[in-house]
C-alpha atoms as a PDB file:
ATOM      1  CA  MET A   1       0.043  -0.032  -0.020  1.00  0.00           C
ATOM      2  CA  LYS A   2       1.228   3.541  -0.741  1.00  0.00           C
ATOM      3  CA  TYR A   3       0.158   6.639   1.011  1.00  0.00           C
ATOM      4  CA  ASN A   4       0.432  10.496   0.565  1.00  0.00           C
ATOM      5  CA  VAL A   5       1.059  11.966   4.066  1.00  0.00           C
ATOM      6  CA  HIS A   6       0.450  15.729   4.773  1.00  0.00           C
ATOM      7  CA  ILE A   7       1.962  16.828   7.949  1.00  0.00           C
ATOM      8  CA  PHE A   8       0.706  20.180   9.217  1.00  0.00           C
ATOM      9  CA  THR A   9       3.549  21.637  11.321  1.00  0.00           C
ATOM     10  CA  VAL A  10       3.981  24.840  13.207  1.00  0.00           C
ATOM     11  CA  VAL A  11       6.698  27.363  12.440  1.00  0.00           C
ATOM     12  CA  ARG A  12       7.821  30.550  14.236  1.00  0.00           C
ATOM     13  CA  VAL A  13       8.135  33.657  11.973  1.00  0.00           C
ATOM     14  CA  LYS A  14       9.506  36.700  13.720  1.00  0.00           C
ATOM     15  CA  VAL A  15       8.496  40.175  12.484  1.00  0.00           C
ATOM     16  CA  SER A  16      10.421  42.913  14.142  1.00  0.00           C
ATOM     17  CA  ASN A  17       9.789  46.553  14.842  1.00  0.00           C
ATOM     18  CA  ILE A  18       6.094  46.676  14.135  1.00  0.00           C
ATOM     19  CA  GLU A  19       4.605  50.164  14.855  1.00  0.00           C
ATOM     20  CA  ALA A  20       1.010  49.835  16.462  1.00  0.00           C
ATOM     21  CA  LEU A  21      -1.233  51.103  19.179  1.00  0.00           C
ATOM     22  CA  SER A  22      -1.697  47.600  20.620  1.00  0.00           C
ATOM     23  CA  GLN A  23      -0.573  44.199  20.588  1.00  0.00           C
ATOM     24  CA  ARG A  24      -3.528  43.035  18.506  1.00  0.00           C
ATOM     25  CA  GLU A  25      -2.883  45.721  16.004  1.00  0.00           C
ATOM     26  CA  ALA A  26       0.775  44.710  15.936  1.00  0.00           C
ATOM     27  CA  MET A  27      -0.186  41.146  15.164  1.00  0.00           C
ATOM     28  CA  PHE A  28      -2.645  42.355  12.356  1.00  0.00           C
ATOM     29  CA  HIS A  29       0.318  44.479  10.735  1.00  0.00           C
ATOM     30  CA  ALA A  30       2.718  41.782  11.120  1.00  0.00           C
ATOM     31  CA  GLU A  31       0.484  39.114   9.479  1.00  0.00           C
ATOM     32  CA  ASN A  32      -0.380  41.575   6.491  1.00  0.00           C
ATOM     33  CA  GLN A  33       3.271  42.435   6.066  1.00  0.00           C
ATOM     34  CA  ILE A  34       4.459  38.878   5.537  1.00  0.00           C
ATOM     35  CA  HIS A  35       4.197  36.808   2.302  1.00  0.00           C
ATOM     36  CA  PHE A  36       4.150  33.406   3.960  1.00  0.00           C
ATOM     37  CA  HIS A  37       4.681  31.301   1.002  1.00  0.00           C
ATOM     38  CA  ASP A  38       7.793  33.405  -0.088  1.00  0.00           C
ATOM     39  CA  LEU A  39       9.375  32.820   3.288  1.00  0.00           C
ATOM     40  CA  PHE A  40      10.005  29.177   2.493  1.00  0.00           C
ATOM     41  CA  LYS A  41      11.795  29.775  -0.732  1.00  0.00           C
ATOM     42  CA  LYS A  42      14.992  31.261   0.759  1.00  0.00           C
ATOM     43  CA  ASP A  43      17.254  30.698   3.673  1.00  0.00           C
ATOM     44  CA  ASN A  44      15.696  32.979   6.337  1.00  0.00           C
ATOM     45  CA  PRO A  45      17.024  33.237   9.993  1.00  0.00           C
ATOM     46  CA  GLU A  46      13.654  34.672  11.314  1.00  0.00           C
ATOM     47  CA  ILE A  47      11.945  31.344  10.515  1.00  0.00           C
ATOM     48  CA  GLU A  48      12.348  28.037  12.567  1.00  0.00           C
ATOM     49  CA  TRP A  49      10.457  24.993  13.044  1.00  0.00           C
ATOM     50  CA  ALA A  50       8.649  25.116  16.356  1.00  0.00           C
ATOM     51  CA  GLU A  51       8.976  21.383  16.825  1.00  0.00           C
ATOM     52  CA  GLU A  52       5.224  20.902  16.944  1.00  0.00           C
ATOM     53  CA  HIS A  53       2.660  19.461  14.616  1.00  0.00           C
ATOM     54  CA  SER A  54      -0.966  20.555  14.555  1.00  0.00           C
ATOM     55  CA  HIS A  55      -2.237  17.458  12.758  1.00  0.00           C
ATOM     56  CA  ALA A  56      -1.780  15.116   9.829  1.00  0.00           C
ATOM     57  CA  LEU A  57      -3.796  13.804   6.934  1.00  0.00           C
ATOM     58  CA  VAL A  58      -3.065  10.534   5.314  1.00  0.00           C
ATOM     59  CA  ASP A  59      -4.483   9.597   1.861  1.00  0.00           C
ATOM     60  CA  GLU A  60      -4.338   6.283   0.122  1.00  0.00           C
ATOM     61  CA  VAL A  61      -2.758   6.413  -3.172  1.00  0.00           C
ATOM     62  CA  GLY A  62      -5.365   5.590  -5.780  1.00  0.00           C
ATOM     63  CA  ASP A  63      -8.312   6.628  -3.688  1.00  0.00           C
ATOM     64  CA  GLU A  64      -9.523   9.254  -5.887  1.00  0.00           C
ATOM     65  CA  GLU A  65     -12.719  10.029  -3.836  1.00  0.00           C
ATOM     66  CA  TYR A  66     -10.575  10.214  -0.616  1.00  0.00           C
ATOM     67  CA  GLU A  67     -12.965   7.832   1.176  1.00  0.00           C
ATOM     68  CA  LYS A  68     -10.131   6.263   3.028  1.00  0.00           C
ATOM     69  CA  SER A  69      -8.355   9.370   4.038  1.00  0.00           C
ATOM     70  CA  LYS A  70      -7.853   9.788   7.703  1.00  0.00           C
ATOM     71  CA  TRP A  71      -6.831  12.678  10.000  1.00  0.00           C
ATOM     72  CA  TYR A  72      -4.492  12.293  12.962  1.00  0.00           C
ATOM     73  CA  GLY A  73      -3.768  14.581  15.990  1.00  0.00           C
ATOM     74  CA  PRO A  74      -0.600  16.294  16.798  1.00  0.00           C
ATOM     75  CA  ASP A  75       1.043  13.046  18.159  1.00  0.00           C
ATOM     76  CA  LEU A  76       0.609  11.612  14.561  1.00  0.00           C
ATOM     77  CA  LYS A  77      -0.970   8.603  16.232  1.00  0.00           C
ATOM     78  CA  THR A  78      -4.449   9.546  17.588  1.00  0.00           C
ATOM     79  CA  PRO A  79      -7.325   9.643  15.020  1.00  0.00           C
ATOM     80  CA  LYS A  80      -8.814  13.084  14.796  1.00  0.00           C
ATOM     81  CA  LYS A  81     -12.422  13.771  13.616  1.00  0.00           C
ATOM     82  CA  PHE A  82     -12.870  16.471  11.039  1.00  0.00           C
ATOM     83  CA  PRO A  83     -16.147  17.446   9.686  1.00  0.00           C
ATOM     84  CA  ASP A  84     -17.117  15.364   6.469  1.00  0.00           C
ATOM     85  CA  ARG A  85     -16.657  17.007   3.197  1.00  0.00           C
ATOM     86  CA  PRO A  86     -19.835  17.911   1.418  1.00  0.00           C
ATOM     87  CA  LYS A  87     -20.818  15.376  -1.344  1.00  0.00           C
ATOM     88  CA  GLU A  88     -20.867  16.713  -4.834  1.00  0.00           C
ATOM     89  CA  THR A  89     -24.400  16.631  -6.323  1.00  0.00           C
END
């Protein structure tokens, strides 16, 4: 059997010297200032793996309808329930 495994992991991204009136506003400005996809295309010392996974998804190769796909929790062992995808009509 072959599987496609998607591990959703947490990374830390540091954004320095954000001018704002509050911490919430600073987070908003920081998030809007970053192009997250571009960060992973180059060596960047402000990015590091947080050594934590949020969850994983495992698909069976050949299962085109993803009926056998399963989600797992952060330990990559415990099954995790996600809402069912709506069926196409």
